[in-house]
């Protein structure tokens, strides 16, 4: 899948992803159930990967 974004859209997407990542880390810190933490860490890795991809092209 190819997603074409303007420079402004790339920057806004990066900001939104970083905000979501921060919220996700807060949730991870509060979570004591191991299976939920495992799921959240998977999401965190996916978000980090997206941020890297958007940053590389921004």
N, C-alpha and C. Protein backbone atom coordinates (compact mmCIF):
# COMPACT_ATOMS: atom_id res chain seq x y z
N UNK A 1 0.84 -1.17 0.00
CA UNK A 1 0.00 0.00 0.00
C UNK A 1 0.90 1.24 0.00
N UNK A 2 0.55 2.17 -0.83
CA UNK A 2 1.30 3.42 -0.91
C UNK A 2 0.40 4.54 -0.38
N UNK A 3 0.96 5.29 0.52
CA UNK A 3 0.24 6.42 1.11
C UNK A 3 1.03 7.68 0.82
N UNK A 4 0.48 8.52 -0.02
CA UNK A 4 1.17 9.76 -0.36
C UNK A 4 0.68 10.88 0.53
N UNK A 5 1.62 11.55 1.19
CA UNK A 5 1.30 12.63 2.12
C UNK A 5 2.12 13.87 1.77
N UNK A 6 1.54 15.02 2.03
CA UNK A 6 2.30 16.26 1.89
C UNK A 6 3.25 16.35 3.08
N UNK A 7 4.20 17.26 3.00
CA UNK A 7 5.14 17.45 4.12
C UNK A 7 4.38 17.83 5.39
N UNK A 8 3.38 18.68 5.26
CA UNK A 8 2.58 19.10 6.42
C UNK A 8 1.85 17.90 7.02
N UNK A 9 1.27 17.06 6.18
CA UNK A 9 0.57 15.86 6.65
C UNK A 9 1.53 14.90 7.35
N UNK A 10 2.73 14.75 6.81
CA UNK A 10 3.74 13.88 7.43
C UNK A 10 4.09 14.37 8.83
N UNK A 11 4.29 15.68 8.94
CA UNK A 11 4.65 16.25 10.24
C UNK A 11 3.50 16.09 11.25
N UNK A 12 2.28 16.33 10.80
CA UNK A 12 1.13 16.17 11.68
C UNK A 12 0.94 14.72 12.10
N UNK A 13 1.15 13.81 11.17
CA UNK A 13 1.04 12.38 11.50
C UNK A 13 2.10 11.98 12.52
N UNK A 14 3.30 12.48 12.34
CA UNK A 14 4.38 12.19 13.30
C UNK A 14 4.03 12.70 14.69
N UNK A 15 3.52 13.91 14.76
CA UNK A 15 3.13 14.49 16.05
C UNK A 15 2.03 13.66 16.71
N UNK A 16 1.04 13.26 15.93
CA UNK A 16 -0.07 12.45 16.46
C UNK A 16 0.43 11.09 16.95
N UNK A 17 1.31 10.47 16.19
CA UNK A 17 1.86 9.17 16.60
C UNK A 17 2.70 9.28 17.87
N UNK A 18 3.49 10.35 17.97
CA UNK A 18 4.30 10.54 19.17
C UNK A 18 3.43 10.78 20.39
N UNK A 19 2.33 11.49 20.22
CA UNK A 19 1.40 11.72 21.32
C UNK A 19 0.76 10.40 21.76
N UNK A 20 0.36 9.60 20.77
CA UNK A 20 -0.24 8.30 21.08
C UNK A 20 0.77 7.40 21.78
N UNK A 21 2.02 7.44 21.31
CA UNK A 21 3.06 6.63 21.93
C UNK A 21 3.26 7.03 23.40
N UNK A 22 3.24 8.30 23.67
CA UNK A 22 3.39 8.79 25.04
C UNK A 22 2.24 8.29 25.92
N UNK A 23 1.02 8.39 25.41
CA UNK A 23 -0.14 7.89 26.15
C UNK A 23 -0.04 6.39 26.39
N UNK A 24 0.44 5.69 25.39
CA UNK A 24 0.59 4.24 25.50
C UNK A 24 1.61 3.87 26.58
N UNK A 25 2.69 4.63 26.64
CA UNK A 25 3.70 4.38 27.68
C UNK A 25 3.13 4.64 29.07
N UNK A 26 2.32 5.67 29.20
CA UNK A 26 1.66 5.94 30.49
C UNK A 26 0.77 4.76 30.88
N UNK A 27 0.04 4.25 29.92
CA UNK A 27 -0.84 3.11 30.18
C UNK A 27 -0.03 1.87 30.56
N UNK A 28 1.09 1.67 29.89
CA UNK A 28 1.96 0.54 30.23
C UNK A 28 2.46 0.63 31.66
N UNK A 29 2.80 1.83 32.08
CA UNK A 29 3.31 2.03 33.44
C UNK A 29 2.25 1.72 34.49
N UNK A 30 1.00 1.91 34.16
CA UNK A 30 -0.10 1.70 35.10
C UNK A 30 -0.64 0.28 35.09
N UNK A 31 -0.30 -0.48 34.08
CA UNK A 31 -0.88 -1.81 33.89
C UNK A 31 -0.09 -2.87 34.65
N UNK A 32 -0.81 -3.67 35.42
CA UNK A 32 -0.14 -4.73 36.16
C UNK A 32 -0.45 -6.13 35.62
N UNK A 33 -1.39 -6.24 34.70
CA UNK A 33 -1.70 -7.55 34.12
C UNK A 33 -0.73 -7.86 33.00
N UNK A 34 -0.03 -8.97 33.12
CA UNK A 34 1.04 -9.32 32.21
C UNK A 34 0.57 -9.45 30.76
N UNK A 35 -0.58 -10.09 30.54
CA UNK A 35 -1.04 -10.28 29.17
C UNK A 35 -1.42 -8.94 28.52
N UNK A 36 -1.94 -8.01 29.30
CA UNK A 36 -2.28 -6.69 28.77
C UNK A 36 -1.00 -5.91 28.45
N UNK A 37 -0.01 -6.01 29.31
CA UNK A 37 1.28 -5.34 29.08
C UNK A 37 1.93 -5.85 27.79
N UNK A 38 1.83 -7.15 27.58
CA UNK A 38 2.40 -7.75 26.38
C UNK A 38 1.74 -7.18 25.13
N UNK A 39 0.43 -7.06 25.14
CA UNK A 39 -0.31 -6.50 24.01
C UNK A 39 0.06 -5.04 23.79
N UNK A 40 0.17 -4.28 24.86
CA UNK A 40 0.51 -2.86 24.75
C UNK A 40 1.93 -2.68 24.22
N UNK A 41 2.83 -3.55 24.60
CA UNK A 41 4.21 -3.45 24.09
C UNK A 41 4.26 -3.72 22.60
N UNK A 42 3.42 -4.64 22.14
CA UNK A 42 3.34 -4.88 20.70
C UNK A 42 2.85 -3.64 19.96
N UNK A 43 1.86 -2.97 20.53
CA UNK A 43 1.35 -1.73 19.93
C UNK A 43 2.43 -0.66 19.96
N UNK A 44 3.16 -0.58 21.07
CA UNK A 44 4.21 0.42 21.19
C UNK A 44 5.28 0.22 20.11
N UNK A 45 5.65 -1.02 19.85
CA UNK A 45 6.64 -1.31 18.82
C UNK A 45 6.12 -0.92 17.43
N UNK A 46 4.85 -1.19 17.17
CA UNK A 46 4.27 -0.83 15.88
C UNK A 46 4.23 0.68 15.71
N UNK A 47 3.87 1.41 16.76
CA UNK A 47 3.83 2.87 16.70
C UNK A 47 5.24 3.42 16.47
N UNK A 48 6.23 2.87 17.18
CA UNK A 48 7.62 3.32 17.01
C UNK A 48 8.06 3.10 15.57
N UNK A 49 7.70 1.97 14.98
CA UNK A 49 8.05 1.68 13.60
C UNK A 49 7.42 2.69 12.64
N UNK A 50 6.16 3.03 12.88
CA UNK A 50 5.50 4.03 12.05
C UNK A 50 6.16 5.40 12.18
N UNK A 51 6.51 5.77 13.39
CA UNK A 51 7.18 7.07 13.61
C UNK A 51 8.49 7.10 12.83
N UNK A 52 9.25 6.02 12.88
CA UNK A 52 10.52 5.97 12.15
C UNK A 52 10.31 6.10 10.66
N UNK A 53 9.28 5.43 10.13
CA UNK A 53 9.00 5.49 8.70
C UNK A 53 8.58 6.90 8.29
N UNK A 54 7.72 7.53 9.07
CA UNK A 54 7.26 8.89 8.75
C UNK A 54 8.43 9.87 8.88
N UNK A 55 9.28 9.68 9.87
CA UNK A 55 10.42 10.57 10.09
C UNK A 55 11.44 10.45 8.96
N UNK A 56 11.62 9.27 8.44
CA UNK A 56 12.59 9.04 7.38
C UNK A 56 12.17 9.75 6.10
N UNK A 57 10.89 9.96 5.95
CA UNK A 57 10.39 10.58 4.73
C UNK A 57 10.01 12.02 4.92
N UNK A 58 10.04 12.48 6.18
CA UNK A 58 9.63 13.86 6.44
C UNK A 58 10.76 14.83 6.19
